[in-house]
Amino acid sequence: MYSIKVEADFSAAHNLRGYRGKCEELHGHNWKVAAVARKDNLDKIGMVLDFHYLKRELNKILERLDHKYLNRLAYFKKVNPTSENIAKYIYEHLQSEVSSIQSVTVWENNTSSVTYEA
């Protein structure tokens, strides 16, 4: 089994609905995101996937989130914009372009992350 990973980041604001504590107030993060693609076999030139392609597709999704108030985006009007749900959102949108996507990890700071994999 082979896997590749690319990383990118975005900045955005959110507040958590139904949460009691600091995070119920409007605040922001500089999120770091890692996307992992995985395959049993390499392609004809010996790659899982082109790093550039995976990073480009990830960045297309992150552009939709960057410098936004996430609670105002249609998806997050229905789904609480927790780091868990942000990871799932990125995974689902990335999966439509990259069938070999294995997981998406989102860090909201240097010591706290969540990974979503289907």
Protein backbone atom coordinates (compact mmCIF):
# COMPACT_ATOMS: atom_id res chain seq x y z
CA MET A 1 0.00 0.00 0.00
CA TYR A 2 1.29 3.45 -0.92
CA SER A 3 0.13 6.81 0.37
CA ILE A 4 1.05 10.42 -0.35
CA LYS A 5 0.27 13.48 1.73
CA VAL A 6 0.05 17.18 0.91
CA GLU A 7 -0.49 20.04 3.32
CA ALA A 8 -2.06 23.46 2.93
CA ASP A 9 -3.73 26.02 5.15
CA PHE A 10 -6.53 28.54 5.35
CA SER A 11 -7.72 31.19 7.78
CA ALA A 12 -11.36 31.60 8.74
CA ALA A 13 -13.71 32.59 11.53
CA HIS A 14 -16.51 30.58 13.12
CA ASN A 15 -18.47 30.09 16.28
CA LEU A 16 -19.85 26.85 17.61
CA ARG A 17 -23.58 26.54 18.08
CA GLY A 18 -24.76 24.67 21.16
CA TYR A 19 -21.36 24.90 22.84
CA ARG A 20 -20.85 26.51 26.22
CA GLY A 21 -17.48 28.18 26.55
CA LYS A 22 -15.12 30.45 24.67
CA CYS A 23 -15.77 28.79 21.31
CA GLU A 24 -19.43 29.81 21.30
CA GLU A 25 -18.18 33.34 20.59
CA LEU A 26 -16.97 34.45 17.18
CA HIS A 27 -13.27 33.61 16.81
CA GLY A 28 -10.82 32.51 14.13
CA HIS A 29 -8.12 29.99 13.40
CA ASN A 30 -5.28 29.51 10.99
CA TRP A 31 -6.18 25.94 10.06
CA LYS A 32 -3.58 23.56 8.66
CA VAL A 33 -4.94 20.76 6.47
CA ALA A 34 -3.35 17.50 5.32
CA ALA A 35 -4.86 15.32 2.61
CA VAL A 36 -3.71 11.72 2.14
CA ALA A 37 -4.31 9.67 -1.02
CA ARG A 38 -3.72 5.93 -0.97
CA LYS A 39 -3.47 3.15 -3.55
CA ASP A 40 -2.41 -0.48 -3.65
CA ASN A 41 -0.55 -0.03 -6.93
CA LEU A 42 1.41 2.71 -8.60
CA ASP A 43 0.48 4.13 -11.98
CA LYS A 44 2.52 3.43 -15.14
CA ILE A 45 5.18 6.01 -14.21
CA GLY A 46 5.48 4.83 -10.61
CA MET A 47 3.26 7.31 -8.73
CA VAL A 48 0.24 7.11 -6.46
CA LEU A 49 -0.87 10.49 -7.71
CA ASP A 50 0.85 13.67 -8.77
CA PHE A 51 1.53 15.78 -5.65
CA HIS A 52 0.80 18.92 -7.67
CA TYR A 53 -2.63 17.61 -8.70
CA LEU A 54 -3.61 16.64 -5.14
CA LYS A 55 -2.45 19.97 -3.73
CA ARG A 56 -4.23 21.92 -6.50
CA GLU A 57 -7.51 20.11 -5.82
CA LEU A 58 -7.14 20.64 -2.06
CA ASN A 59 -6.43 24.34 -2.54
CA LYS A 60 -9.55 24.74 -4.72
CA ILE A 61 -11.64 23.61 -1.75
CA LEU A 62 -9.73 25.68 0.78
CA GLU A 63 -10.26 28.81 -1.35
CA ARG A 64 -13.99 28.45 -0.61
CA LEU A 65 -13.22 28.58 3.13
CA ASP A 66 -10.31 31.02 3.29
CA HIS A 67 -11.05 34.33 5.02
CA LYS A 68 -14.72 33.44 5.42
CA TYR A 69 -17.07 33.39 8.36
CA LEU A 70 -17.82 29.69 8.07
CA ASN A 71 -21.23 29.86 9.77
CA ARG A 72 -22.50 31.90 6.81
CA LEU A 73 -21.60 29.29 4.19
CA ALA A 74 -24.58 27.19 3.06
CA TYR A 75 -23.12 23.87 4.29
CA PHE A 76 -22.29 25.23 7.74
CA LYS A 77 -25.67 26.90 8.17
CA LYS A 78 -26.97 23.34 8.58
CA VAL A 79 -23.85 21.69 10.06
CA ASN A 80 -21.99 23.08 13.08
CA PRO A 81 -18.56 24.30 11.85
CA THR A 82 -16.51 22.18 14.25
CA SER A 83 -13.06 21.02 13.17
CA GLU A 84 -14.56 17.54 12.79
CA ASN A 85 -17.20 18.79 10.36
CA ILE A 86 -14.68 20.95 8.50
CA ALA A 87 -12.50 17.86 7.94
CA LYS A 88 -15.52 15.93 6.65
CA TYR A 89 -16.52 18.82 4.35
CA ILE A 90 -13.04 18.96 2.83
CA TYR A 91 -12.87 15.15 2.48
CA GLU A 92 -16.25 14.90 0.75
CA HIS A 93 -15.48 17.70 -1.70
CA LEU A 94 -12.00 16.35 -2.39
CA GLN A 95 -13.32 12.83 -2.92
CA SER A 96 -15.40 14.00 -5.87
CA GLU A 97 -12.15 14.93 -7.67
CA VAL A 98 -9.66 12.47 -6.14
CA SER A 99 -11.10 8.98 -5.86
CA SER A 100 -8.05 7.68 -3.98
CA ILE A 101 -8.44 10.12 -1.09
CA GLN A 102 -7.89 8.28 2.20
CA SER A 103 -8.13 10.95 4.88
CA VAL A 104 -8.18 14.64 5.70
CA THR A 105 -6.64 16.00 8.89
CA VAL A 106 -7.44 19.51 10.13
CA TRP A 107 -5.42 21.27 12.83
CA GLU A 108 -7.04 24.26 14.49
CA ASN A 109 -3.76 24.96 16.30
CA ASN A 110 -0.35 23.34 16.70
CA THR A 111 -1.52 20.80 19.28
CA SER A 112 -5.11 19.94 18.33
CA SER A 113 -6.23 18.10 15.19
CA VAL A 114 -8.97 15.84 13.88
CA THR A 115 -8.83 13.29 11.08
CA TYR A 116 -11.76 12.23 8.92
CA GLU A 117 -11.62 9.09 6.81
CA ALA A 118 -14.49 7.18 5.28
